[in-house]
Amino acid sequence: MIVVPSSELRNRYTELTDQYLPTGEPIYLTKNGHGHAVLLSIEEYERLSREDTVNKIRVGIQAAKEGRVKSIDEAEQYIRKDLGL
């Protein structure tokens, strides 16, 4: 795991991104000694996004198979109530 103070990123950006992003390994950035952000390659970010989308679709399909779904009207009423409309 690569952990770098965010203040150091400015001076070492090219070095860090050239060395670690091609491996798919994230760079964890800290601010005042605490986790602040994570730097990922675009490829790794897109891979994680696709994986998350596929998992959400699987959950939705399983919910539909189990009958845990709502009609469009029910969903609209739920959303309106939740938003106070």
N, C-alpha and C. Protein backbone atom coordinates (compact mmCIF):
# COMPACT_ATOMS: atom_id res chain seq x y z
N MET A 1 0.85 -1.17 0.00
CA MET A 1 0.00 0.00 0.00
C MET A 1 0.90 1.24 0.00
N ILE A 2 0.59 2.15 -0.89
CA ILE A 2 1.35 3.39 -1.02
C ILE A 2 0.56 4.50 -0.33
N VAL A 3 1.18 5.13 0.66
CA VAL A 3 0.55 6.23 1.39
C VAL A 3 1.46 7.44 1.28
N VAL A 4 0.89 8.55 0.82
CA VAL A 4 1.69 9.76 0.58
C VAL A 4 0.92 10.96 1.13
N PRO A 5 1.59 11.86 1.83
CA PRO A 5 0.92 13.10 2.24
C PRO A 5 0.50 13.88 0.99
N SER A 6 -0.69 14.44 1.00
CA SER A 6 -1.17 15.17 -0.18
C SER A 6 -0.24 16.32 -0.54
N SER A 7 0.42 16.90 0.44
CA SER A 7 1.36 17.99 0.14
C SER A 7 2.56 17.50 -0.67
N GLU A 8 2.90 16.22 -0.53
CA GLU A 8 4.04 15.65 -1.25
C GLU A 8 3.67 15.30 -2.70
N LEU A 9 2.40 15.10 -2.94
CA LEU A 9 1.95 14.72 -4.29
C LEU A 9 2.35 15.77 -5.32
N ARG A 10 2.27 17.02 -4.95
CA ARG A 10 2.61 18.11 -5.87
C ARG A 10 4.03 17.94 -6.41
N ASN A 11 4.96 17.59 -5.54
CA ASN A 11 6.37 17.49 -5.94
C ASN A 11 6.73 16.15 -6.57
N ARG A 12 5.95 15.11 -6.31
CA ARG A 12 6.31 13.77 -6.78
C ARG A 12 5.26 13.15 -7.70
N TYR A 13 4.37 13.96 -8.24
CA TYR A 13 3.25 13.44 -9.03
C TYR A 13 3.71 12.49 -10.14
N THR A 14 4.61 12.95 -10.99
CA THR A 14 5.04 12.13 -12.12
C THR A 14 5.70 10.85 -11.65
N GLU A 15 6.59 10.96 -10.68
CA GLU A 15 7.27 9.78 -10.15
C GLU A 15 6.27 8.76 -9.61
N LEU A 16 5.35 9.22 -8.77
CA LEU A 16 4.39 8.31 -8.15
C LEU A 16 3.43 7.69 -9.16
N THR A 17 2.88 8.51 -10.05
CA THR A 17 1.92 7.98 -11.01
C THR A 17 2.58 7.05 -12.02
N ASP A 18 3.79 7.37 -12.45
CA ASP A 18 4.50 6.50 -13.39
C ASP A 18 4.86 5.16 -12.74
N GLN A 19 5.19 5.19 -11.46
CA GLN A 19 5.64 3.98 -10.78
C GLN A 19 4.49 3.09 -10.33
N TYR A 20 3.42 3.66 -9.80
CA TYR A 20 2.40 2.84 -9.16
C TYR A 20 1.10 2.67 -9.93
N LEU A 21 0.65 3.66 -10.66
CA LEU A 21 -0.63 3.53 -11.34
C LEU A 21 -0.66 2.41 -12.38
N PRO A 22 0.42 2.17 -13.14
CA PRO A 22 0.37 1.07 -14.10
C PRO A 22 0.17 -0.31 -13.45
N THR A 23 0.50 -0.43 -12.17
CA THR A 23 0.33 -1.71 -11.47
C THR A 23 -1.12 -1.93 -11.04
N GLY A 24 -1.94 -0.89 -11.14
CA GLY A 24 -3.32 -0.98 -10.66
C GLY A 24 -3.43 -0.68 -9.18
N GLU A 25 -2.29 -0.43 -8.55
CA GLU A 25 -2.27 -0.15 -7.11
C GLU A 25 -2.67 1.30 -6.86
N PRO A 26 -3.60 1.52 -5.94
CA PRO A 26 -3.98 2.90 -5.63
C PRO A 26 -2.92 3.60 -4.80
N ILE A 27 -2.93 4.91 -4.87
CA ILE A 27 -2.06 5.74 -4.03
C ILE A 27 -2.99 6.44 -3.04
N TYR A 28 -2.78 6.16 -1.76
CA TYR A 28 -3.59 6.76 -0.70
C TYR A 28 -2.96 8.07 -0.29
N LEU A 29 -3.76 9.12 -0.28
CA LEU A 29 -3.27 10.45 0.09
C LEU A 29 -3.78 10.80 1.48
N THR A 30 -2.90 11.38 2.28
CA THR A 30 -3.28 11.80 3.62
C THR A 30 -3.23 13.32 3.73
N LYS A 31 -4.02 13.82 4.66
CA LYS A 31 -4.02 15.25 4.95
C LYS A 31 -4.05 15.37 6.48
N ASN A 32 -3.05 16.04 7.01
CA ASN A 32 -2.91 16.14 8.47
C ASN A 32 -2.87 14.77 9.13
N GLY A 33 -2.25 13.80 8.44
CA GLY A 33 -2.06 12.47 9.00
C GLY A 33 -3.25 11.54 8.90
N HIS A 34 -4.31 11.97 8.24
CA HIS A 34 -5.52 11.15 8.11
C HIS A 34 -5.82 10.91 6.64
N GLY A 35 -6.45 9.77 6.35
CA GLY A 35 -6.84 9.47 4.98
C GLY A 35 -7.67 10.60 4.40
N HIS A 36 -7.35 10.98 3.17
CA HIS A 36 -8.02 12.12 2.55
C HIS A 36 -8.59 11.77 1.17
N ALA A 37 -7.81 11.04 0.38
CA ALA A 37 -8.24 10.72 -0.99
C ALA A 37 -7.45 9.52 -1.49
N VAL A 38 -7.92 8.96 -2.60
CA VAL A 38 -7.23 7.85 -3.25
C VAL A 38 -7.05 8.20 -4.71
N LEU A 39 -5.86 7.97 -5.22
CA LEU A 39 -5.55 8.23 -6.62
C LEU A 39 -5.47 6.89 -7.35
N LEU A 40 -6.30 6.73 -8.38
CA LEU A 40 -6.35 5.50 -9.18
C LEU A 40 -6.11 5.83 -10.64
N SER A 41 -5.62 4.84 -11.37
CA SER A 41 -5.54 5.01 -12.82
C SER A 41 -6.96 5.02 -13.38
N ILE A 42 -7.14 5.60 -14.53
CA ILE A 42 -8.46 5.61 -15.17
C ILE A 42 -8.92 4.18 -15.42
N GLU A 43 -8.01 3.33 -15.86
CA GLU A 43 -8.37 1.93 -16.14
C GLU A 43 -8.90 1.24 -14.88
N GLU A 44 -8.21 1.44 -13.76
CA GLU A 44 -8.64 0.80 -12.52
C GLU A 44 -9.98 1.37 -12.05
N TYR A 45 -10.15 2.68 -12.17
CA TYR A 45 -11.42 3.30 -11.79
C TYR A 45 -12.57 2.74 -12.64
N GLU A 46 -12.36 2.63 -13.95
CA GLU A 46 -13.40 2.11 -14.83
C GLU A 46 -13.70 0.65 -14.53
N ARG A 47 -12.67 -0.13 -14.22
CA ARG A 47 -12.86 -1.53 -13.86
C ARG A 47 -13.72 -1.64 -12.60
N LEU A 48 -13.39 -0.85 -11.60
CA LEU A 48 -14.16 -0.87 -10.36
C LEU A 48 -15.60 -0.40 -10.58
N SER A 49 -15.78 0.60 -11.43
CA SER A 49 -17.12 1.11 -11.74
C SER A 49 -17.96 0.04 -12.45
N ARG A 50 -17.34 -0.65 -13.41
CA ARG A 50 -18.05 -1.72 -14.12
C ARG A 50 -18.44 -2.83 -13.15
N GLU A 51 -17.50 -3.21 -12.29
CA GLU A 51 -17.75 -4.26 -11.30
C GLU A 51 -18.91 -3.87 -10.39
N ASP A 52 -18.94 -2.64 -9.95
CA ASP A 52 -20.01 -2.15 -9.08
C ASP A 52 -21.35 -2.18 -9.82
N THR A 53 -21.35 -1.75 -11.07
CA THR A 53 -22.58 -1.75 -11.86
C THR A 53 -23.12 -3.16 -12.05
N VAL A 54 -22.23 -4.10 -12.38
CA VAL A 54 -22.63 -5.49 -12.56
C VAL A 54 -23.22 -6.05 -11.26
N ASN A 55 -22.59 -5.74 -10.14
CA ASN A 55 -23.11 -6.22 -8.85
C ASN A 55 -24.50 -5.65 -8.56
N LYS A 56 -24.71 -4.37 -8.87
CA LYS A 56 -26.02 -3.75 -8.65
C LYS A 56 -27.08 -4.40 -9.55
N ILE A 57 -26.71 -4.72 -10.77
CA ILE A 57 -27.65 -5.39 -11.68
C ILE A 57 -28.00 -6.76 -11.13
N ARG A 58 -27.01 -7.50 -10.64
CA ARG A 58 -27.26 -8.83 -10.06
C ARG A 58 -28.22 -8.74 -8.88
N VAL A 59 -28.01 -7.76 -8.02
CA VAL A 59 -28.89 -7.58 -6.86
C VAL A 59 -30.31 -7.28 -7.34
N GLY A 60 -30.45 -6.43 -8.35
CA GLY A 60 -31.76 -6.10 -8.89
C GLY A 60 -32.46 -7.30 -9.51
N ILE A 61 -31.71 -8.11 -10.23
CA ILE A 61 -32.29 -9.32 -10.84
C ILE A 61 -32.76 -10.27 -9.75
N GLN A 62 -31.94 -10.45 -8.72
CA GLN A 62 -32.31 -11.33 -7.62
C GLN A 62 -33.55 -10.81 -6.91
N ALA A 63 -33.63 -9.50 -6.70
CA ALA A 63 -34.80 -8.91 -6.06
C ALA A 63 -36.05 -9.16 -6.90
N ALA A 64 -35.93 -9.03 -8.21
CA ALA A 64 -37.07 -9.27 -9.10
C ALA A 64 -37.50 -10.73 -9.02
N LYS A 65 -36.54 -11.65 -9.00
CA LYS A 65 -36.86 -13.08 -8.91
C LYS A 65 -37.60 -13.40 -7.61
N GLU A 66 -37.25 -12.67 -6.55
CA GLU A 66 -37.86 -12.91 -5.24
C GLU A 66 -39.12 -12.09 -5.03
N GLY A 67 -39.51 -11.30 -6.04
CA GLY A 67 -40.72 -10.50 -5.95
C GLY A 67 -40.56 -9.24 -5.11
N ARG A 68 -39.33 -8.86 -4.83
CA ARG A 68 -39.08 -7.65 -4.03
C ARG A 68 -38.94 -6.44 -4.95
N VAL A 69 -40.00 -6.16 -5.68
CA VAL A 69 -39.98 -5.03 -6.61
C VAL A 69 -41.25 -4.21 -6.42
N LYS A 70 -41.25 -3.01 -6.92
CA LYS A 70 -42.41 -2.13 -6.84
C LYS A 70 -42.79 -1.69 -8.25
N SER A 71 -44.06 -1.40 -8.42
CA SER A 71 -44.50 -0.86 -9.70
C SER A 71 -43.95 0.56 -9.84
N ILE A 72 -44.02 1.09 -11.03
CA ILE A 72 -43.54 2.45 -11.26
C ILE A 72 -44.34 3.44 -10.40
N ASP A 73 -45.66 3.22 -10.31
CA ASP A 73 -46.49 4.12 -9.49
C ASP A 73 -46.08 4.05 -8.02
N GLU A 74 -45.85 2.84 -7.51
CA GLU A 74 -45.43 2.70 -6.11
C GLU A 74 -44.08 3.36 -5.87
N ALA A 75 -43.18 3.18 -6.81
CA ALA A 75 -41.86 3.78 -6.68
C ALA A 75 -41.96 5.31 -6.69
N GLU A 76 -42.80 5.83 -7.58
CA GLU A 76 -42.98 7.29 -7.66
C GLU A 76 -43.56 7.83 -6.35
N GLN A 77 -44.56 7.14 -5.81
CA GLN A 77 -45.14 7.57 -4.53
C GLN A 77 -44.08 7.54 -3.42
N TYR A 78 -43.30 6.50 -3.38
CA TYR A 78 -42.25 6.37 -2.37
C TYR A 78 -41.25 7.52 -2.47
N ILE A 79 -40.84 7.83 -3.69
CA ILE A 79 -39.86 8.90 -3.91
C ILE A 79 -40.46 10.25 -3.51
N ARG A 80 -41.69 10.50 -3.93
CA ARG A 80 -42.34 11.76 -3.57
C ARG A 80 -42.45 11.92 -2.05
N LYS A 81 -42.85 10.84 -1.38
CA LYS A 81 -42.98 10.88 0.08
C LYS A 81 -41.61 11.12 0.72
N ASP A 82 -40.60 10.43 0.21
CA ASP A 82 -39.24 10.57 0.76
C ASP A 82 -38.71 11.99 0.58
N LEU A 83 -39.06 12.62 -0.54
CA LEU A 83 -38.60 13.99 -0.82
C LEU A 83 -39.54 15.05 -0.24
N GLY A 84 -40.65 14.61 0.33
CA GLY A 84 -41.60 15.56 0.91
C GLY A 84 -42.36 16.35 -0.13
N LEU A 85 -42.62 15.75 -1.27
CA LEU A 85 -43.35 16.44 -2.35
C LEU A 85 -44.83 16.11 -2.33
